[in-house]
mmCIF file of all heavy atoms, coordinates in Angstrom:
data_MODEL
# 
_entry.id   MODEL 
# 
loop_
_atom_site.group_PDB 
_atom_site.id 
_atom_site.type_symbol 
_atom_site.label_atom_id 
_atom_site.label_alt_id 
_atom_site.label_comp_id 
_atom_site.label_asym_id 
_atom_site.label_entity_id 
_atom_site.label_seq_id 
_atom_site.pdbx_PDB_ins_code 
_atom_site.Cartn_x 
_atom_site.Cartn_y 
_atom_site.Cartn_z 
_atom_site.occupancy 
_atom_site.B_iso_or_equiv 
_atom_site.pdbx_formal_charge 
_atom_site.auth_seq_id 
_atom_site.auth_comp_id 
_atom_site.auth_asym_id 
_atom_site.auth_atom_id 
_atom_site.pdbx_PDB_model_num 
ATOM 1   N N   . GLY A 1 1  ? 0.776  -1.233 0.000  1.00 0.00 ? 1  GLY A N   1 
ATOM 2   C CA  . GLY A 1 1  ? 0.000  0.000  0.000  1.00 0.00 ? 1  GLY A CA  1 
ATOM 3   C C   . GLY A 1 1  ? 0.807  1.282  0.000  1.00 0.00 ? 1  GLY A C   1 
ATOM 4   O O   . GLY A 1 1  ? 0.266  2.357  0.279  1.00 0.00 ? 1  GLY A O   1 
ATOM 5   N N   . PHE A 1 2  ? 2.107  1.214  -0.320 1.00 0.00 ? 2  PHE A N   1 
ATOM 6   C CA  . PHE A 1 2  ? 2.936  2.413  -0.377 1.00 0.00 ? 2  PHE A CA  1 
ATOM 7   C C   . PHE A 1 2  ? 3.125  2.856  -1.827 1.00 0.00 ? 2  PHE A C   1 
ATOM 8   O O   . PHE A 1 2  ? 3.260  2.028  -2.725 1.00 0.00 ? 2  PHE A O   1 
ATOM 9   C CB  . PHE A 1 2  ? 4.327  2.140  0.209  1.00 0.00 ? 2  PHE A CB  1 
ATOM 10  C CG  . PHE A 1 2  ? 4.386  2.060  1.705  1.00 0.00 ? 2  PHE A CG  1 
ATOM 11  C CD1 . PHE A 1 2  ? 4.140  0.861  2.360  1.00 0.00 ? 2  PHE A CD1 1 
ATOM 12  C CD2 . PHE A 1 2  ? 4.695  3.179  2.459  1.00 0.00 ? 2  PHE A CD2 1 
ATOM 13  C CE1 . PHE A 1 2  ? 4.196  0.773  3.741  1.00 0.00 ? 2  PHE A CE1 1 
ATOM 14  C CE2 . PHE A 1 2  ? 4.768  3.107  3.836  1.00 0.00 ? 2  PHE A CE2 1 
ATOM 15  C CZ  . PHE A 1 2  ? 4.515  1.896  4.479  1.00 0.00 ? 2  PHE A CZ  1 
ATOM 16  N N   . LYS A 1 3  ? 3.174  4.174  -2.046 1.00 0.00 ? 3  LYS A N   1 
ATOM 17  C CA  . LYS A 1 3  ? 3.753  4.703  -3.277 1.00 0.00 ? 3  LYS A CA  1 
ATOM 18  C C   . LYS A 1 3  ? 5.264  4.752  -3.064 1.00 0.00 ? 3  LYS A C   1 
ATOM 19  O O   . LYS A 1 3  ? 5.732  4.960  -1.937 1.00 0.00 ? 3  LYS A O   1 
ATOM 20  C CB  . LYS A 1 3  ? 3.232  6.122  -3.556 1.00 0.00 ? 3  LYS A CB  1 
ATOM 21  C CG  . LYS A 1 3  ? 1.737  6.181  -3.880 1.00 0.00 ? 3  LYS A CG  1 
ATOM 22  C CD  . LYS A 1 3  ? 1.442  5.691  -5.281 1.00 0.00 ? 3  LYS A CD  1 
ATOM 23  C CE  . LYS A 1 3  ? -0.043 5.774  -5.607 1.00 0.00 ? 3  LYS A CE  1 
ATOM 24  N NZ  . LYS A 1 3  ? -0.535 7.159  -5.728 1.00 0.00 ? 3  LYS A NZ  1 
ATOM 25  N N   . GLY A 1 4  ? 6.047  4.567  -4.113 1.00 0.00 ? 4  GLY A N   1 
ATOM 26  C CA  . GLY A 1 4  ? 7.494  4.488  -3.963 1.00 0.00 ? 4  GLY A CA  1 
ATOM 27  C C   . GLY A 1 4  ? 8.254  5.557  -4.719 1.00 0.00 ? 4  GLY A C   1 
ATOM 28  O O   . GLY A 1 4  ? 7.920  5.895  -5.865 1.00 0.00 ? 4  GLY A O   1 
ATOM 29  N N   . LEU A 1 5  ? 9.280  6.129  -4.069 1.00 0.00 ? 5  LEU A N   1 
ATOM 30  C CA  . LEU A 1 5  ? 10.226 7.041  -4.710 1.00 0.00 ? 5  LEU A CA  1 
ATOM 31  C C   . LEU A 1 5  ? 11.592 6.376  -4.672 1.00 0.00 ? 5  LEU A C   1 
ATOM 32  O O   . LEU A 1 5  ? 11.940 5.735  -3.680 1.00 0.00 ? 5  LEU A O   1 
ATOM 33  C CB  . LEU A 1 5  ? 10.290 8.375  -3.970 1.00 0.00 ? 5  LEU A CB  1 
ATOM 34  C CG  . LEU A 1 5  ? 8.978  9.103  -3.700 1.00 0.00 ? 5  LEU A CG  1 
ATOM 35  C CD1 . LEU A 1 5  ? 9.228  10.326 -2.829 1.00 0.00 ? 5  LEU A CD1 1 
ATOM 36  C CD2 . LEU A 1 5  ? 8.327  9.512  -5.013 1.00 0.00 ? 5  LEU A CD2 1 
ATOM 37  N N   . ILE A 1 6  ? 12.394 6.536  -5.737 1.00 0.00 ? 6  ILE A N   1 
ATOM 38  C CA  . ILE A 1 6  ? 13.698 5.892  -5.801 1.00 0.00 ? 6  ILE A CA  1 
ATOM 39  C C   . ILE A 1 6  ? 14.792 6.932  -5.994 1.00 0.00 ? 6  ILE A C   1 
ATOM 40  O O   . ILE A 1 6  ? 14.713 7.789  -6.876 1.00 0.00 ? 6  ILE A O   1 
ATOM 41  C CB  . ILE A 1 6  ? 13.752 4.847  -6.940 1.00 0.00 ? 6  ILE A CB  1 
ATOM 42  C CG1 . ILE A 1 6  ? 12.779 3.706  -6.651 1.00 0.00 ? 6  ILE A CG1 1 
ATOM 43  C CG2 . ILE A 1 6  ? 15.167 4.304  -7.102 1.00 0.00 ? 6  ILE A CG2 1 
ATOM 44  C CD1 . ILE A 1 6  ? 12.692 2.665  -7.759 1.00 0.00 ? 6  ILE A CD1 1 
ATOM 45  N N   . ALA A 1 7  ? 15.829 6.850  -5.150 1.00 0.00 ? 7  ALA A N   1 
ATOM 46  C CA  . ALA A 1 7  ? 17.043 7.664  -5.304 1.00 0.00 ? 7  ALA A CA  1 
ATOM 47  C C   . ALA A 1 7  ? 18.219 6.697  -5.415 1.00 0.00 ? 7  ALA A C   1 
ATOM 48  O O   . ALA A 1 7  ? 18.351 5.775  -4.609 1.00 0.00 ? 7  ALA A O   1 
ATOM 49  C CB  . ALA A 1 7  ? 17.235 8.583  -4.101 1.00 0.00 ? 7  ALA A CB  1 
ATOM 50  N N   . VAL A 1 8  ? 19.076 6.896  -6.416 1.00 0.00 ? 8  VAL A N   1 
ATOM 51  C CA  . VAL A 1 8  ? 20.191 5.973  -6.638 1.00 0.00 ? 8  VAL A CA  1 
ATOM 52  C C   . VAL A 1 8  ? 21.509 6.491  -6.051 1.00 0.00 ? 8  VAL A C   1 
ATOM 53  O O   . VAL A 1 8  ? 22.536 5.826  -6.148 1.00 0.00 ? 8  VAL A O   1 
ATOM 54  C CB  . VAL A 1 8  ? 20.368 5.667  -8.147 1.00 0.00 ? 8  VAL A CB  1 
ATOM 55  C CG1 . VAL A 1 8  ? 19.154 4.928  -8.678 1.00 0.00 ? 8  VAL A CG1 1 
ATOM 56  C CG2 . VAL A 1 8  ? 20.623 6.950  -8.941 1.00 0.00 ? 8  VAL A CG2 1 
ATOM 57  N N   . ARG A 1 9  ? 21.466 7.702  -5.453 1.00 0.00 ? 9  ARG A N   1 
ATOM 58  C CA  . ARG A 1 9  ? 22.652 8.268  -4.825 1.00 0.00 ? 9  ARG A CA  1 
ATOM 59  C C   . ARG A 1 9  ? 22.267 8.872  -3.472 1.00 0.00 ? 9  ARG A C   1 
ATOM 60  O O   . ARG A 1 9  ? 21.128 9.252  -3.250 1.00 0.00 ? 9  ARG A O   1 
ATOM 61  C CB  . ARG A 1 9  ? 23.280 9.340  -5.728 1.00 0.00 ? 9  ARG A CB  1 
ATOM 62  C CG  . ARG A 1 9  ? 23.648 8.815  -7.114 1.00 0.00 ? 9  ARG A CG  1 
ATOM 63  C CD  . ARG A 1 9  ? 24.151 9.925  -8.021 1.00 0.00 ? 9  ARG A CD  1 
ATOM 64  N NE  . ARG A 1 9  ? 25.460 10.400 -7.608 1.00 0.00 ? 9  ARG A NE  1 
ATOM 65  C CZ  . ARG A 1 9  ? 26.605 9.754  -7.844 1.00 0.00 ? 9  ARG A CZ  1 
ATOM 66  N NH1 . ARG A 1 9  ? 26.583 8.597  -8.482 1.00 0.00 ? 9  ARG A NH1 1 
ATOM 67  N NH2 . ARG A 1 9  ? 27.751 10.236 -7.454 1.00 0.00 ? 9  ARG A NH2 1 
ATOM 68  N N   . GLY A 1 10 ? 23.251 8.940  -2.570 1.00 0.00 ? 10 GLY A N   1 
ATOM 69  C CA  . GLY A 1 10 ? 22.985 9.408  -1.225 1.00 0.00 ? 10 GLY A CA  1 
ATOM 70  C C   . GLY A 1 10 ? 22.510 10.846 -1.161 1.00 0.00 ? 10 GLY A C   1 
ATOM 71  O O   . GLY A 1 10 ? 21.525 11.166 -0.480 1.00 0.00 ? 10 GLY A O   1 
ATOM 72  N N   . GLU A 1 11 ? 23.207 11.755 -1.863 1.00 0.00 ? 11 GLU A N   1 
ATOM 73  C CA  . GLU A 1 11 ? 22.826 13.166 -1.840 1.00 0.00 ? 11 GLU A CA  1 
ATOM 74  C C   . GLU A 1 11 ? 21.436 13.358 -2.435 1.00 0.00 ? 11 GLU A C   1 
ATOM 75  O O   . GLU A 1 11 ? 20.643 14.167 -1.948 1.00 0.00 ? 11 GLU A O   1 
ATOM 76  C CB  . GLU A 1 11 ? 23.852 14.012 -2.596 1.00 0.00 ? 11 GLU A CB  1 
ATOM 77  C CG  . GLU A 1 11 ? 25.189 14.176 -1.886 1.00 0.00 ? 11 GLU A CG  1 
ATOM 78  C CD  . GLU A 1 11 ? 25.073 15.008 -0.607 1.00 0.00 ? 11 GLU A CD  1 
ATOM 79  O OE1 . GLU A 1 11 ? 24.060 15.715 -0.437 1.00 0.00 ? 11 GLU A OE1 1 
ATOM 80  O OE2 . GLU A 1 11 ? 25.990 14.929 0.224  1.00 0.00 ? 11 GLU A OE2 1 
ATOM 81  N N   . GLN A 1 12 ? 21.150 12.613 -3.493 1.00 0.00 ? 12 GLN A N   1 
ATOM 82  C CA  . GLN A 1 12 ? 19.819 12.678 -4.098 1.00 0.00 ? 12 GLN A CA  1 
ATOM 83  C C   . GLN A 1 12 ? 18.764 12.212 -3.090 1.00 0.00 ? 12 GLN A C   1 
ATOM 84  O O   . GLN A 1 12 ? 17.694 12.811 -2.966 1.00 0.00 ? 12 GLN A O   1 
ATOM 85  C CB  . GLN A 1 12 ? 19.789 11.790 -5.348 1.00 0.00 ? 12 GLN A CB  1 
ATOM 86  C CG  . GLN A 1 12 ? 18.450 11.785 -6.078 1.00 0.00 ? 12 GLN A CG  1 
ATOM 87  C CD  . GLN A 1 12 ? 18.361 10.685 -7.118 1.00 0.00 ? 12 GLN A CD  1 
ATOM 88  O OE1 . GLN A 1 12 ? 19.107 9.703  -7.066 1.00 0.00 ? 12 GLN A OE1 1 
ATOM 89  N NE2 . GLN A 1 12 ? 17.458 10.834 -8.065 1.00 0.00 ? 12 GLN A NE2 1 
ATOM 90  N N   . GLY A 1 13 ? 19.086 11.159 -2.336 1.00 0.00 ? 13 GLY A N   1 
ATOM 91  C CA  . GLY A 1 13 ? 18.162 10.642 -1.337 1.00 0.00 ? 13 GLY A CA  1 
ATOM 92  C C   . GLY A 1 13 ? 17.883 11.646 -0.232 1.00 0.00 ? 13 GLY A C   1 
ATOM 93  O O   . GLY A 1 13 ? 16.734 11.828 0.193  1.00 0.00 ? 13 GLY A O   1 
ATOM 94  N N   . LEU A 1 14 ? 18.929 12.325 0.242  1.00 0.00 ? 14 LEU A N   1 
ATOM 95  C CA  . LEU A 1 14 ? 18.756 13.345 1.276  1.00 0.00 ? 14 LEU A CA  1 
ATOM 96  C C   . LEU A 1 14 ? 17.868 14.475 0.778  1.00 0.00 ? 14 LEU A C   1 
ATOM 97  O O   . LEU A 1 14 ? 16.984 14.954 1.501  1.00 0.00 ? 14 LEU A O   1 
ATOM 98  C CB  . LEU A 1 14 ? 20.123 13.891 1.699  1.00 0.00 ? 14 LEU A CB  1 
ATOM 99  C CG  . LEU A 1 14 ? 20.970 12.981 2.592  1.00 0.00 ? 14 LEU A CG  1 
ATOM 100 C CD1 . LEU A 1 14 ? 22.410 13.481 2.642  1.00 0.00 ? 14 LEU A CD1 1 
ATOM 101 C CD2 . LEU A 1 14 ? 20.385 12.925 4.003  1.00 0.00 ? 14 LEU A CD2 1 
ATOM 102 N N   . ASP A 1 15 ? 18.103 14.906 -0.460 1.00 0.00 ? 15 ASP A N   1 
ATOM 103 C CA  . ASP A 1 15 ? 17.301 15.984 -1.038 1.00 0.00 ? 15 ASP A CA  1 
ATOM 104 C C   . ASP A 1 15 ? 15.836 15.571 -1.157 1.00 0.00 ? 15 ASP A C   1 
ATOM 105 O O   . ASP A 1 15 ? 14.925 16.338 -0.818 1.00 0.00 ? 15 ASP A O   1 
ATOM 106 C CB  . ASP A 1 15 ? 17.860 16.368 -2.407 1.00 0.00 ? 15 ASP A CB  1 
ATOM 107 C CG  . ASP A 1 15 ? 17.048 17.460 -3.082 1.00 0.00 ? 15 ASP A CG  1 
ATOM 108 O OD1 . ASP A 1 15 ? 16.973 18.572 -2.526 1.00 0.00 ? 15 ASP A OD1 1 
ATOM 109 O OD2 . ASP A 1 15 ? 16.471 17.202 -4.154 1.00 0.00 ? 15 ASP A OD2 1 
ATOM 110 N N   . MET A 1 16 ? 15.601 14.338 -1.608 1.00 0.00 ? 16 MET A N   1 
ATOM 111 C CA  . MET A 1 16 ? 14.224 13.861 -1.774 1.00 0.00 ? 16 MET A CA  1 
ATOM 112 C C   . MET A 1 16 ? 13.537 13.671 -0.427 1.00 0.00 ? 16 MET A C   1 
ATOM 113 O O   . MET A 1 16 ? 12.335 13.905 -0.290 1.00 0.00 ? 16 MET A O   1 
ATOM 114 C CB  . MET A 1 16 ? 14.219 12.558 -2.581 1.00 0.00 ? 16 MET A CB  1 
ATOM 115 C CG  . MET A 1 16 ? 14.585 12.755 -4.038 1.00 0.00 ? 16 MET A CG  1 
ATOM 116 S SD  . MET A 1 16 ? 14.712 11.209 -4.972 1.00 0.00 ? 16 MET A SD  1 
ATOM 117 C CE  . MET A 1 16 ? 12.994 10.711 -5.032 1.00 0.00 ? 16 MET A CE  1 
ATOM 118 N N   . ALA A 1 17 ? 14.298 13.265 0.597  1.00 0.00 ? 17 ALA A N   1 
ATOM 119 C CA  . ALA A 1 17 ? 13.707 13.110 1.934  1.00 0.00 ? 17 ALA A CA  1 
ATOM 120 C C   . ALA A 1 17 ? 13.200 14.447 2.454  1.00 0.00 ? 17 ALA A C   1 
ATOM 121 O O   . ALA A 1 17 ? 12.129 14.527 3.073  1.00 0.00 ? 17 ALA A O   1 
ATOM 122 C CB  . ALA A 1 17 ? 14.735 12.517 2.891  1.00 0.00 ? 17 ALA A CB  1 
ATOM 123 N N   . ARG A 1 18 ? 13.966 15.516 2.191  1.00 0.00 ? 18 ARG A N   1 
ATOM 124 C CA  . ARG A 1 18 ? 13.544 16.846 2.648  1.00 0.00 ? 18 ARG A CA  1 
ATOM 125 C C   . ARG A 1 18 ? 12.380 17.385 1.815  1.00 0.00 ? 18 ARG A C   1 
ATOM 126 O O   . ARG A 1 18 ? 11.468 18.019 2.334  1.00 0.00 ? 18 ARG A O   1 
ATOM 127 C CB  . ARG A 1 18 ? 14.730 17.817 2.578  1.00 0.00 ? 18 ARG A CB  1 
ATOM 128 C CG  . ARG A 1 18 ? 15.862 17.465 3.542  1.00 0.00 ? 18 ARG A CG  1 
ATOM 129 C CD  . ARG A 1 18 ? 16.902 18.571 3.566  1.00 0.00 ? 18 ARG A CD  1 
ATOM 130 N NE  . ARG A 1 18 ? 18.098 18.168 4.283  1.00 0.00 ? 18 ARG A NE  1 
ATOM 131 C CZ  . ARG A 1 18 ? 19.229 17.786 3.702  1.00 0.00 ? 18 ARG A CZ  1 
ATOM 132 N NH1 . ARG A 1 18 ? 19.319 17.767 2.382  1.00 0.00 ? 18 ARG A NH1 1 
ATOM 133 N NH2 . ARG A 1 18 ? 20.276 17.433 4.427  1.00 0.00 ? 18 ARG A NH2 1 
ATOM 134 N N   . ARG A 1 19 ? 12.430 17.143 0.505  1.00 0.00 ? 19 ARG A N   1 
ATOM 135 C CA  . ARG A 1 19 ? 11.419 17.721 -0.386 1.00 0.00 ? 19 ARG A CA  1 
ATOM 136 C C   . ARG A 1 19 ? 10.072 17.005 -0.298 1.00 0.00 ? 19 ARG A C   1 
ATOM 137 O O   . ARG A 1 19 ? 9.018  17.629 -0.302 1.00 0.00 ? 19 ARG A O   1 
ATOM 138 C CB  . ARG A 1 19 ? 11.910 17.687 -1.842 1.00 0.00 ? 19 ARG A CB  1 
ATOM 139 C CG  . ARG A 1 19 ? 12.910 18.780 -2.183 1.00 0.00 ? 19 ARG A CG  1 
ATOM 140 C CD  . ARG A 1 19 ? 13.083 18.933 -3.676 1.00 0.00 ? 19 ARG A CD  1 
ATOM 141 N NE  . ARG A 1 19 ? 13.705 17.759 -4.276 1.00 0.00 ? 19 ARG A NE  1 
ATOM 142 C CZ  . ARG A 1 19 ? 13.205 17.116 -5.329 1.00 0.00 ? 19 ARG A CZ  1 
ATOM 143 N NH1 . ARG A 1 19 ? 12.079 17.517 -5.876 1.00 0.00 ? 19 ARG A NH1 1 
ATOM 144 N NH2 . ARG A 1 19 ? 13.832 16.067 -5.833 1.00 0.00 ? 19 ARG A NH2 1 
ATOM 145 N N   . PHE A 1 20 ? 10.109 15.669 -0.225 1.00 0.00 ? 20 PHE A N   1 
ATOM 146 C CA  . PHE A 1 20 ? 8.870  14.901 -0.293 1.00 0.00 ? 20 PHE A CA  1 
ATOM 147 C C   . PHE A 1 20 ? 8.332  14.485 1.076  1.00 0.00 ? 20 PHE A C   1 
ATOM 148 O O   . PHE A 1 20 ? 7.191  14.044 1.175  1.00 0.00 ? 20 PHE A O   1 
ATOM 149 C CB  . PHE A 1 20 ? 9.078  13.640 -1.156 1.00 0.00 ? 20 PHE A CB  1 
ATOM 150 C CG  . PHE A 1 20 ? 9.274  13.927 -2.613 1.00 0.00 ? 20 PHE A CG  1 
ATOM 151 C CD1 . PHE A 1 20 ? 10.546 13.942 -3.167 1.00 0.00 ? 20 PHE A CD1 1 
ATOM 152 C CD2 . PHE A 1 20 ? 8.186  14.189 -3.435 1.00 0.00 ? 20 PHE A CD2 1 
ATOM 153 C CE1 . PHE A 1 20 ? 10.734 14.207 -4.520 1.00 0.00 ? 20 PHE A CE1 1 
ATOM 154 C CE2 . PHE A 1 20 ? 8.376  14.452 -4.786 1.00 0.00 ? 20 PHE A CE2 1 
ATOM 155 C CZ  . PHE A 1 20 ? 9.645  14.462 -5.332 1.00 0.00 ? 20 PHE A CZ  1 
ATOM 156 N N   . SER A 1 21 ? 9.162  14.577 2.140  1.00 0.00 ? 21 SER A N   1 
ATOM 157 C CA  . SER A 1 21 ? 8.746  14.145 3.487  1.00 0.00 ? 21 SER A CA  1 
ATOM 158 C C   . SER A 1 21 ? 8.054  12.785 3.440  1.00 0.00 ? 21 SER A C   1 
ATOM 159 O O   . SER A 1 21 ? 6.864  12.658 3.789  1.00 0.00 ? 21 SER A O   1 
ATOM 160 C CB  . SER A 1 21 ? 7.809  15.178 4.123  1.00 0.00 ? 21 SER A CB  1 
ATOM 161 O OG  . SER A 1 21 ? 8.471  16.398 4.305  1.00 0.00 ? 21 SER A OG  1 
ATOM 162 N N   . PRO A 1 22 ? 8.756  11.734 3.007  1.00 0.00 ? 22 PRO A N   1 
ATOM 163 C CA  . PRO A 1 22 ? 8.127  10.412 2.913  1.00 0.00 ? 22 PRO A CA  1 
ATOM 164 C C   . PRO A 1 22 ? 7.758  9.880  4.293  1.00 0.00 ? 22 PRO A C   1 
ATOM 165 O O   . PRO A 1 22 ? 8.285  10.331 5.310  1.00 0.00 ? 22 PRO A O   1 
ATOM 166 C CB  . PRO A 1 22 ? 9.223  9.556  2.268  1.00 0.00 ? 22 PRO A CB  1 
ATOM 167 C CG  . PRO A 1 22 ? 10.500 10.220 2.672  1.00 0.00 ? 22 PRO A CG  1 
ATOM 168 C CD  . PRO A 1 22 ? 10.189 11.695 2.674  1.00 0.00 ? 22 PRO A CD  1 
ATOM 169 N N   . ASN A 1 23 ? 6.860  8.904  4.324  1.00 0.00 ? 23 ASN A N   1 
ATOM 170 C CA  . ASN A 1 23 ? 6.459  8.301  5.593  1.00 0.00 ? 23 ASN A CA  1 
ATOM 171 C C   . ASN A 1 23 ? 7.529  7.372  6.145  1.00 0.00 ? 23 ASN A C   1 
ATOM 172 O O   . ASN A 1 23 ? 7.635  7.180  7.366  1.00 0.00 ? 23 ASN A O   1 
ATOM 173 C CB  . ASN A 1 23 ? 5.156  7.514  5.410  1.00 0.00 ? 23 ASN A CB  1 
ATOM 174 C CG  . ASN A 1 23 ? 4.020  8.401  4.948  1.00 0.00 ? 23 ASN A CG  1 
ATOM 175 O OD1 . ASN A 1 23 ? 3.762  8.499  3.752  1.00 0.00 ? 23 ASN A OD1 1 
ATOM 176 N ND2 . ASN A 1 23 ? 3.350  9.062  5.871  1.00 0.00 ? 23 ASN A ND2 1 
ATOM 177 N N   . ALA A 1 24 ? 8.329  6.781  5.256  1.00 0.00 ? 24 ALA A N   1 
ATOM 178 C CA  . ALA A 1 24 ? 9.385  5.857  5.683  1.00 0.00 ? 24 ALA A CA  1 
ATOM 179 C C   . ALA A 1 24 ? 10.452 5.799  4.598  1.00 0.00 ? 24 ALA A C   1 
ATOM 180 O O   . ALA A 1 24 ? 10.239 6.226  3.457  1.00 0.00 ? 24 ALA A O   1 
ATOM 181 C CB  . ALA A 1 24 ? 8.810  4.476  5.954  1.00 0.00 ? 24 ALA A CB  1 
ATOM 182 N N   . ILE A 1 25 ? 11.622 5.244  4.970  1.00 0.00 ? 25 ILE A N   1 
ATOM 183 C CA  . ILE A 1 25 ? 12.769 5.183  4.057  1.00 0.00 ? 25 ILE A CA  1 
ATOM 184 C C   . ILE A 1 25 ? 13.418 3.810  4.150  1.00 0.00 ? 25 ILE A C   1 
ATOM 185 O O   . ILE A 1 25 ? 13.569 3.254  5.247  1.00 0.00 ? 25 ILE A O   1 
ATOM 186 C CB  . ILE A 1 25 ? 13.806 6.271  4.409  1.00 0.00 ? 25 ILE A CB  1 
ATOM 187 C CG1 . ILE A 1 25 ? 13.227 7.670  4.189  1.00 0.00 ? 25 ILE A CG1 1 
ATOM 188 C CG2 . ILE A 1 25 ? 15.098 6.103  3.605  1.00 0.00 ? 25 ILE A CG2 1 
ATOM 189 C CD1 . ILE A 1 25 ? 14.078 8.802  4.727  1.00 0.00 ? 25 ILE A CD1 1 
ATOM 190 N N   . VAL A 1 26 ? 13.813 3.265  2.997  1.00 0.00 ? 26 VAL A N   1 
ATOM 191 C CA  . VAL A 1 26 ? 14.677 2.081  2.948  1.00 0.00 ? 26 VAL A CA  1 
ATOM 192 C C   . VAL A 1 26 ? 16.032 2.549  2.444  1.00 0.00 ? 26 VAL A C   1 
ATOM 193 O O   . VAL A 1 26 ? 16.128 3.187  1.386  1.00 0.00 ? 26 VAL A O   1 
ATOM 194 C CB  . VAL A 1 26 ? 14.110 0.982  2.023  1.00 0.00 ? 26 VAL A CB  1 
ATOM 195 C CG1 . VAL A 1 26 ? 15.114 -0.153 1.872  1.00 0.00 ? 26 VAL A CG1 1 
ATOM 196 C CG2 . VAL A 1 26 ? 12.798 0.445  2.577  1.00 0.00 ? 26 VAL A CG2 1 
ATOM 197 N N   . LEU A 1 27 ? 17.103 2.262  3.198  1.00 0.00 ? 27 LEU A N   1 
ATOM 198 C CA  . LEU A 1 27 ? 18.425 2.828  2.910  1.00 0.00 ? 27 LEU A CA  1 
ATOM 199 C C   . LEU A 1 27 ? 19.476 1.746  2.736  1.00 0.00 ? 27 LEU A C   1 
ATOM 200 O O   . LEU A 1 27 ? 19.670 0.894  3.611  1.00 0.00 ? 27 LEU A O   1 
ATOM 201 C CB  . LEU A 1 27 ? 18.840 3.755  4.063  1.00 0.00 ? 27 LEU A CB  1 
ATOM 202 C CG  . LEU A 1 27 ? 20.274 4.306  4.050  1.00 0.00 ? 27 LEU A CG  1 
ATOM 203 C CD1 . LEU A 1 27 ? 20.477 5.255  2.869  1.00 0.00 ? 27 LEU A CD1 1 
ATOM 204 C CD2 . LEU A 1 27 ? 20.582 5.015  5.369  1.00 0.00 ? 27 LEU A CD2 1 
# 
């Protein structure tokens, strides 16, 4: 039941975490 966002690099992931405020993260 989750929508998914994918980041293939660490800096990209940090930026997306701040911009999209996801409910959870797999790292």
